[in-house]
PDB file of all heavy atoms in Angstrom:
ATOM      1  N   SER A   1      28.854  17.183  -9.830  1.00  0.00           N
ATOM      2  CA  SER A   1      28.135  16.018  -9.396  1.00  0.00           C
ATOM      3  C   SER A   1      26.734  16.344  -8.935  1.00  0.00           C
ATOM      4  O   SER A   1      26.443  17.454  -8.569  1.00  0.00           O
ATOM      5  CB  SER A   1      28.912  15.346  -8.221  1.00  0.00           C
ATOM      6  OG  SER A   1      28.821  16.145  -7.075  1.00  0.00           O
ATOM      7  N   ALA A   2      25.879  15.346  -8.998  1.00  0.00           N
ATOM      8  CA  ALA A   2      24.515  15.476  -8.522  1.00  0.00           C
ATOM      9  C   ALA A   2      24.275  14.559  -7.347  1.00  0.00           C
ATOM     10  O   ALA A   2      23.152  14.192  -7.057  1.00  0.00           O
ATOM     11  CB  ALA A   2      23.517  15.213  -9.628  1.00  0.00           C
ATOM     12  N   ASP A   3      25.395  14.147  -6.708  1.00  0.00           N
ATOM     13  CA  ASP A   3      25.281  13.241  -5.574  1.00  0.00           C
ATOM     14  C   ASP A   3      24.619  13.918  -4.385  1.00  0.00           C
ATOM     15  O   ASP A   3      24.864  15.084  -4.106  1.00  0.00           O
ATOM     16  CB  ASP A   3      26.671  12.740  -5.143  1.00  0.00           C
ATOM     17  CG  ASP A   3      27.335  11.936  -6.263  1.00  0.00           C
ATOM     18  OD1 ASP A   3      26.582  11.347  -7.073  1.00  0.00           O
ATOM     19  OD2 ASP A   3      28.549  11.907  -6.310  1.00  0.00           O
ATOM     20  N   LEU A   4      23.756  13.199  -3.676  1.00  0.00           N
ATOM     21  CA  LEU A   4      23.063  13.745  -2.521  1.00  0.00           C
ATOM     22  C   LEU A   4      23.311  12.864  -1.308  1.00  0.00           C
ATOM     23  O   LEU A   4      23.569  11.670  -1.425  1.00  0.00           O
ATOM     24  CB  LEU A   4      21.533  13.783  -2.815  1.00  0.00           C
ATOM     25  CG  LEU A   4      21.126  14.602  -4.031  1.00  0.00           C
ATOM     26  CD1 LEU A   4      19.628  14.456  -4.226  1.00  0.00           C
ATOM     27  CD2 LEU A   4      21.470  16.076  -3.843  1.00  0.00           C
ATOM     28  N   GLU A   5      23.229  13.464  -0.147  1.00  0.00           N
ATOM     29  CA  GLU A   5      23.347  12.683   1.090  1.00  0.00           C
ATOM     30  C   GLU A   5      22.095  11.790   1.262  1.00  0.00           C
ATOM     31  O   GLU A   5      21.043  12.054   0.706  1.00  0.00           O
ATOM     32  CB  GLU A   5      23.486  13.604   2.270  1.00  0.00           C
ATOM     33  CG  GLU A   5      24.746  14.459   2.235  1.00  0.00           C
ATOM     34  CD  GLU A   5      24.837  15.422   3.381  1.00  0.00           C
ATOM     35  OE1 GLU A   5      23.928  15.425   4.213  1.00  0.00           O
ATOM     36  OE2 GLU A   5      25.833  16.115   3.466  1.00  0.00           O
ATOM     37  N   ALA A   6      22.287  10.753   2.058  1.00  0.00           N
ATOM     38  CA  ALA A   6      21.177   9.799   2.188  1.00  0.00           C
ATOM     39  C   ALA A   6      20.033  10.368   2.967  1.00  0.00           C
ATOM     40  O   ALA A   6      18.853  10.065   2.668  1.00  0.00           O
ATOM     41  CB  ALA A   6      21.696   8.533   2.866  1.00  0.00           C
ATOM     42  N   GLU A   7      20.301  11.223   3.957  1.00  0.00           N
ATOM     43  CA  GLU A   7      19.261  11.663   4.853  1.00  0.00           C
ATOM     44  C   GLU A   7      18.078  12.327   4.147  1.00  0.00           C
ATOM     45  O   GLU A   7      16.917  12.048   4.486  1.00  0.00           O
ATOM     46  CB  GLU A   7      19.827  12.603   5.930  1.00  0.00           C
ATOM     47  CG  GLU A   7      20.686  11.918   6.967  1.00  0.00           C
ATOM     48  CD  GLU A   7      22.075  11.574   6.432  1.00  0.00           C
ATOM     49  OE1 GLU A   7      22.364  11.935   5.290  1.00  0.00           O
ATOM     50  OE2 GLU A   7      22.868  10.953   7.171  1.00  0.00           O
ATOM     51  N   PRO A   8      18.301  13.269   3.215  1.00  0.00           N
ATOM     52  CA  PRO A   8      17.146  13.954   2.626  1.00  0.00           C
ATOM     53  C   PRO A   8      16.167  13.055   1.910  1.00  0.00           C
ATOM     54  O   PRO A   8      15.045  13.435   1.638  1.00  0.00           O
ATOM     55  CB  PRO A   8      17.788  14.937   1.639  1.00  0.00           C
ATOM     56  CG  PRO A   8      19.190  15.132   2.152  1.00  0.00           C
ATOM     57  CD  PRO A   8      19.565  13.810   2.718  1.00  0.00           C
ATOM     58  N   TRP A   9      16.632  11.803   1.561  1.00  0.00           N
ATOM     59  CA  TRP A   9      15.727  10.918   0.801  1.00  0.00           C
ATOM     60  C   TRP A   9      14.874  10.035   1.735  1.00  0.00           C
ATOM     61  O   TRP A   9      14.066   9.247   1.265  1.00  0.00           O
ATOM     62  CB  TRP A   9      16.547  10.042  -0.127  1.00  0.00           C
ATOM     63  CG  TRP A   9      17.323  10.835  -1.095  1.00  0.00           C
ATOM     64  CD1 TRP A   9      18.658  11.162  -1.006  1.00  0.00           C
ATOM     65  CD2 TRP A   9      16.882  11.439  -2.277  1.00  0.00           C
ATOM     66  NE1 TRP A   9      19.038  11.960  -2.065  1.00  0.00           N
ATOM     67  CE2 TRP A   9      17.955  12.118  -2.878  1.00  0.00           C
ATOM     68  CE3 TRP A   9      15.621  11.510  -2.927  1.00  0.00           C
ATOM     69  CZ2 TRP A   9      17.842  12.832  -4.072  1.00  0.00           C
ATOM     70  CZ3 TRP A   9      15.533  12.189  -4.109  1.00  0.00           C
ATOM     71  CH2 TRP A   9      16.621  12.851  -4.668  1.00  0.00           C
ATOM     72  N   VAL A  10      15.092  10.153   3.027  1.00  0.00           N
ATOM     73  CA  VAL A  10      14.336   9.316   3.962  1.00  0.00           C
ATOM     74  C   VAL A  10      12.954   9.912   4.188  1.00  0.00           C
ATOM     75  O   VAL A  10      12.828  11.021   4.662  1.00  0.00           O
ATOM     76  CB  VAL A  10      15.072   9.184   5.310  1.00  0.00           C
ATOM     77  CG1 VAL A  10      14.246   8.348   6.276  1.00  0.00           C
ATOM     78  CG2 VAL A  10      16.436   8.569   5.079  1.00  0.00           C
ATOM     79  N   ASN A  11      11.963   9.163   3.792  1.00  0.00           N
ATOM     80  CA  ASN A  11      10.583   9.658   3.913  1.00  0.00           C
ATOM     81  C   ASN A  11      10.049   9.272   5.283  1.00  0.00           C
ATOM     82  O   ASN A  11      10.093   8.107   5.677  1.00  0.00           O
ATOM     83  CB  ASN A  11       9.712   9.016   2.817  1.00  0.00           C
ATOM     84  CG  ASN A  11       8.368   9.715   2.693  1.00  0.00           C
ATOM     85  OD1 ASN A  11       7.791  10.163   3.671  1.00  0.00           O
ATOM     86  ND2 ASN A  11       7.855   9.769   1.495  1.00  0.00           N
ATOM     87  N   PRO A  12       9.560  10.241   6.058  1.00  0.00           N
ATOM     88  CA  PRO A  12       9.080   9.934   7.402  1.00  0.00           C
ATOM     89  C   PRO A  12       7.718   9.256   7.441  1.00  0.00           C
ATOM     90  O   PRO A  12       7.189   8.967   8.505  1.00  0.00           O
ATOM     91  CB  PRO A  12       9.012  11.329   8.067  1.00  0.00           C
ATOM     92  CG  PRO A  12       8.743  12.262   6.913  1.00  0.00           C
ATOM     93  CD  PRO A  12       9.468  11.676   5.752  1.00  0.00           C
ATOM     94  N   SER A  13       7.104   9.019   6.277  1.00  0.00           N
ATOM     95  CA  SER A  13       5.754   8.487   6.254  1.00  0.00           C
ATOM     96  C   SER A  13       5.585   7.160   7.000  1.00  0.00           C
ATOM     97  O   SER A  13       4.612   6.975   7.741  1.00  0.00           O
ATOM     98  CB  SER A  13       5.276   8.298   4.810  1.00  0.00           C
ATOM     99  OG  SER A  13       5.203   9.536   4.186  1.00  0.00           O
ATOM    100  N   PRO A  14       6.523   6.187   6.809  1.00  0.00           N
ATOM    101  CA  PRO A  14       6.337   4.917   7.550  1.00  0.00           C
ATOM    102  C   PRO A  14       6.278   5.133   9.043  1.00  0.00           C
ATOM    103  O   PRO A  14       5.482   4.510   9.725  1.00  0.00           O
ATOM    104  CB  PRO A  14       7.568   4.108   7.136  1.00  0.00           C
ATOM    105  CG  PRO A  14       7.945   4.660   5.799  1.00  0.00           C
ATOM    106  CD  PRO A  14       7.643   6.133   5.905  1.00  0.00           C
ATOM    107  N   GLU A  15       7.144   6.007   9.566  1.00  0.00           N
ATOM    108  CA  GLU A  15       7.140   6.279  11.012  1.00  0.00           C
ATOM    109  C   GLU A  15       5.793   6.874  11.441  1.00  0.00           C
ATOM    110  O   GLU A  15       5.268   6.530  12.488  1.00  0.00           O
ATOM    111  CB  GLU A  15       8.284   7.201  11.354  1.00  0.00           C
ATOM    112  CG  GLU A  15       8.392   7.517  12.852  1.00  0.00           C
ATOM    113  CD  GLU A  15       9.523   8.466  13.155  1.00  0.00           C
ATOM    114  OE1 GLU A  15      10.346   8.678  12.230  1.00  0.00           O
ATOM    115  OE2 GLU A  15       9.625   8.950  14.285  1.00  0.00           O
ATOM    116  N   ILE A  16       5.305   7.808  10.606  1.00  0.00           N
ATOM    117  CA  ILE A  16       4.011   8.443  10.923  1.00  0.00           C
ATOM    118  C   ILE A  16       2.889   7.432  10.884  1.00  0.00           C
ATOM    119  O   ILE A  16       2.002   7.415  11.739  1.00  0.00           O
ATOM    120  CB  ILE A  16       3.748   9.606   9.958  1.00  0.00           C
ATOM    121  CG1 ILE A  16       4.815  10.698  10.141  1.00  0.00           C
ATOM    122  CG2 ILE A  16       2.356  10.190  10.118  1.00  0.00           C
ATOM    123  CD1 ILE A  16       4.744  11.780   9.095  1.00  0.00           C
ATOM    124  N   THR A  17       2.919   6.558   9.880  1.00  0.00           N
ATOM    125  CA  THR A  17       1.892   5.523   9.767  1.00  0.00           C
ATOM    126  C   THR A  17       1.904   4.594  10.994  1.00  0.00           C
ATOM    127  O   THR A  17       0.851   4.215  11.516  1.00  0.00           O
ATOM    128  CB  THR A  17       2.121   4.683   8.500  1.00  0.00           C
ATOM    129  OG1 THR A  17       2.102   5.554   7.360  1.00  0.00           O
ATOM    130  CG2 THR A  17       1.022   3.651   8.323  1.00  0.00           C
ATOM    131  N   LYS A  18       3.127   4.248  11.424  1.00  0.00           N
ATOM    132  CA  LYS A  18       3.234   3.426  12.618  1.00  0.00           C
ATOM    133  C   LYS A  18       2.634   4.148  13.824  1.00  0.00           C
ATOM    134  O   LYS A  18       1.956   3.553  14.678  1.00  0.00           O
ATOM    135  CB  LYS A  18       4.697   3.080  12.883  1.00  0.00           C
ATOM    136  CG  LYS A  18       4.932   2.182  14.110  1.00  0.00           C
ATOM    137  CD  LYS A  18       6.402   1.862  14.283  1.00  0.00           C
ATOM    138  CE  LYS A  18       6.607   0.948  15.486  1.00  0.00           C
ATOM    139  NZ  LYS A  18       6.207   1.564  16.722  1.00  0.00           N
ATOM    140  N   HIS A  19       2.876   5.445  13.855  1.00  0.00           N
ATOM    141  CA  HIS A  19       2.331   6.239  14.953  1.00  0.00           C
ATOM    142  C   HIS A  19       0.774   6.232  14.886  1.00  0.00           C
ATOM    143  O   HIS A  19       0.113   6.163  15.925  1.00  0.00           O
ATOM    144  CB  HIS A  19       2.844   7.677  14.886  1.00  0.00           C
ATOM    145  CG  HIS A  19       2.446   8.524  16.092  1.00  0.00           C
ATOM    146  ND1 HIS A  19       3.105   8.421  17.283  1.00  0.00           N
ATOM    147  CD2 HIS A  19       1.468   9.451  16.241  1.00  0.00           C
ATOM    148  CE1 HIS A  19       2.552   9.249  18.154  1.00  0.00           C
ATOM    149  NE2 HIS A  19       1.566   9.915  17.548  1.00  0.00           N
ATOM    150  N   PHE A  20       0.255   6.317  13.647  1.00  0.00           N
ATOM    151  CA  PHE A  20      -1.199   6.214  13.489  1.00  0.00           C
ATOM    152  C   PHE A  20      -1.732   4.905  14.093  1.00  0.00           C
ATOM    153  O   PHE A  20      -2.728   4.876  14.816  1.00  0.00           O
ATOM    154  CB  PHE A  20      -1.582   6.252  12.004  1.00  0.00           C
ATOM    155  CG  PHE A  20      -1.449   7.610  11.381  1.00  0.00           C
ATOM    156  CD1 PHE A  20      -1.336   7.722  10.003  1.00  0.00           C
ATOM    157  CD2 PHE A  20      -1.454   8.751  12.143  1.00  0.00           C
ATOM    158  CE1 PHE A  20      -1.232   8.943   9.414  1.00  0.00           C
ATOM    159  CE2 PHE A  20      -1.366   9.986  11.571  1.00  0.00           C
ATOM    160  CZ  PHE A  20      -1.231  10.088  10.187  1.00  0.00           C
ATOM    161  N   ASP A  21      -1.033   3.793  13.771  1.00  0.00           N
ATOM    162  CA  ASP A  21      -1.481   2.491  14.269  1.00  0.00           C
ATOM    163  C   ASP A  21      -1.445   2.436  15.789  1.00  0.00           C
ATOM    164  O   ASP A  21      -2.383   1.926  16.424  1.00  0.00           O
ATOM    165  CB  ASP A  21      -0.586   1.384  13.687  1.00  0.00           C
ATOM    166  CG  ASP A  21      -0.768   1.256  12.185  1.00  0.00           C
ATOM    167  OD1 ASP A  21      -1.783   1.750  11.648  1.00  0.00           O
ATOM    168  OD2 ASP A  21       0.158   0.727  11.516  1.00  0.00           O
ATOM    169  N   ASP A  22      -0.341   2.985  16.347  1.00  0.00           N
ATOM    170  CA  ASP A  22      -0.213   2.958  17.812  1.00  0.00           C
ATOM    171  C   ASP A  22      -1.333   3.789  18.452  1.00  0.00           C
ATOM    172  O   ASP A  22      -1.945   3.382  19.474  1.00  0.00           O
ATOM    173  CB  ASP A  22       1.146   3.493  18.221  1.00  0.00           C
ATOM    174  CG  ASP A  22       2.272   2.586  17.778  1.00  0.00           C
ATOM    175  OD1 ASP A  22       2.023   1.396  17.503  1.00  0.00           O
ATOM    176  OD2 ASP A  22       3.424   3.061  17.712  1.00  0.00           O
ATOM    177  N   VAL A  23      -1.561   5.007  17.848  1.00  0.00           N
ATOM    178  CA  VAL A  23      -2.591   5.848  18.403  1.00  0.00           C
ATOM    179  C   VAL A  23      -3.974   5.229  18.263  1.00  0.00           C
ATOM    180  O   VAL A  23      -4.819   5.287  19.167  1.00  0.00           O
ATOM    181  CB  VAL A  23      -2.568   7.257  17.724  1.00  0.00           C
ATOM    182  CG1 VAL A  23      -3.762   8.102  18.142  1.00  0.00           C
ATOM    183  CG2 VAL A  23      -1.274   7.984  18.093  1.00  0.00           C
ATOM    184  N   GLY A  24      -4.203   4.607  17.108  1.00  0.00           N
ATOM    185  CA  GLY A  24      -5.484   3.957  16.856  1.00  0.00           C
ATOM    186  C   GLY A  24      -5.746   2.851  17.883  1.00  0.00           C
ATOM    187  O   GLY A  24      -6.861   2.733  18.424  1.00  0.00           O
ATOM    188  N   LYS A  25      -4.711   2.045  18.168  1.00  0.00           N
ATOM    189  CA  LYS A  25      -4.874   0.981  19.159  1.00  0.00           C
ATOM    190  C   LYS A  25      -5.168   1.581  20.555  1.00  0.00           C
ATOM    191  O   LYS A  25      -6.001   1.067  21.305  1.00  0.00           O
ATOM    192  CB  LYS A  25      -3.625   0.123  19.207  1.00  0.00           C
ATOM    193  CG  LYS A  25      -3.399  -0.715  17.920  1.00  0.00           C
ATOM    194  CD  LYS A  25      -2.067  -1.479  18.015  1.00  0.00           C
ATOM    195  CE  LYS A  25      -1.862  -2.290  16.747  1.00  0.00           C
ATOM    196  NZ  LYS A  25      -0.541  -3.000  16.779  1.00  0.00           N
ATOM    197  N   GLN A  26      -4.413   2.646  20.845  1.00  0.00           N
ATOM    198  CA  GLN A  26      -4.619   3.280  22.141  1.00  0.00           C
ATOM    199  C   GLN A  26      -6.012   3.861  22.259  1.00  0.00           C
ATOM    200  O   GLN A  26      -6.687   3.748  23.291  1.00  0.00           O
ATOM    201  CB  GLN A  26      -3.560   4.390  22.335  1.00  0.00           C
ATOM    202  CG  GLN A  26      -3.636   5.083  23.698  1.00  0.00           C
ATOM    203  CD  GLN A  26      -3.358   4.123  24.859  1.00  0.00           C
ATOM    204  OE1 GLN A  26      -2.462   3.301  24.784  1.00  0.00           O
ATOM    205  NE2 GLN A  26      -4.180   4.214  25.895  1.00  0.00           N
ATOM    206  N   LEU A  27      -6.471   4.526  21.163  1.00  0.00           N
ATOM    207  CA  LEU A  27      -7.810   5.107  21.162  1.00  0.00           C
ATOM    208  C   LEU A  27      -8.883   4.040  21.298  1.00  0.00           C
ATOM    209  O   LEU A  27      -9.892   4.210  21.997  1.00  0.00           O
ATOM    210  CB  LEU A  27      -8.042   5.933  19.913  1.00  0.00           C
ATOM    211  CG  LEU A  27      -7.246   7.268  19.818  1.00  0.00           C
ATOM    212  CD1 LEU A  27      -7.470   7.898  18.449  1.00  0.00           C
ATOM    213  CD2 LEU A  27      -7.632   8.223  20.908  1.00  0.00           C
ATOM    214  N   THR A  28      -8.680   2.905  20.608  1.00  0.00           N
ATOM    215  CA  THR A  28      -9.651   1.819  20.690  1.00  0.00           C
ATOM    216  C   THR A  28      -9.728   1.292  22.131  1.00  0.00           C
ATOM    217  O   THR A  28     -10.816   1.056  22.660  1.00  0.00           O
ATOM    218  CB  THR A  28      -9.253   0.681  19.732  1.00  0.00           C
ATOM    219  OG1 THR A  28      -9.187   1.191  18.394  1.00  0.00           O
ATOM    220  CG2 THR A  28     -10.217  -0.467  19.826  1.00  0.00           C
ATOM    221  N   ALA A  29      -8.527   1.179  22.736  1.00  0.00           N
ATOM    222  CA  ALA A  29      -8.508   0.700  24.136  1.00  0.00           C
ATOM    223  C   ALA A  29      -9.190   1.698  25.044  1.00  0.00           C
ATOM    224  O   ALA A  29      -9.979   1.319  25.943  1.00  0.00           O
ATOM    225  CB  ALA A  29      -7.064   0.453  24.567  1.00  0.00           C
ATOM    226  N   ASP A  30      -8.913   3.022  24.810  1.00  0.00           N
ATOM    227  CA  ASP A  30      -9.516   4.048  25.656  1.00  0.00           C
ATOM    228  C   ASP A  30     -11.065   4.058  25.494  1.00  0.00           C
ATOM    229  O   ASP A  30     -11.806   4.196  26.474  1.00  0.00           O
ATOM    230  CB  ASP A  30      -8.963   5.426  25.308  1.00  0.00           C
ATOM    231  CG  ASP A  30      -7.505   5.575  25.703  1.00  0.00           C
ATOM    232  OD1 ASP A  30      -7.018   4.723  26.503  1.00  0.00           O
ATOM    233  OD2 ASP A  30      -6.835   6.519  25.217  1.00  0.00           O
ATOM    234  N   LEU A  31     -11.516   3.912  24.243  1.00  0.00           N
ATOM    235  CA  LEU A  31     -12.964   3.887  24.004  1.00  0.00           C
ATOM    236  C   LEU A  31     -13.624   2.679  24.668  1.00  0.00           C
ATOM    237  O   LEU A  31     -14.737   2.793  25.224  1.00  0.00           O
ATOM    238  CB  LEU A  31     -13.244   3.882  22.493  1.00  0.00           C
ATOM    239  CG  LEU A  31     -12.979   5.201  21.757  1.00  0.00           C
ATOM    240  CD1 LEU A  31     -13.168   5.001  20.267  1.00  0.00           C
ATOM    241  CD2 LEU A  31     -13.926   6.278  22.252  1.00  0.00           C
TER     242      LEU A  31
END
């Protein structure tokens, strides 16, 4: 079989992008 578990296919990019947005808002507020 070539079946794979679900976890390895989860791309962390959306979470990182959300973190970018949060940091950007925080930086804007700090500035």
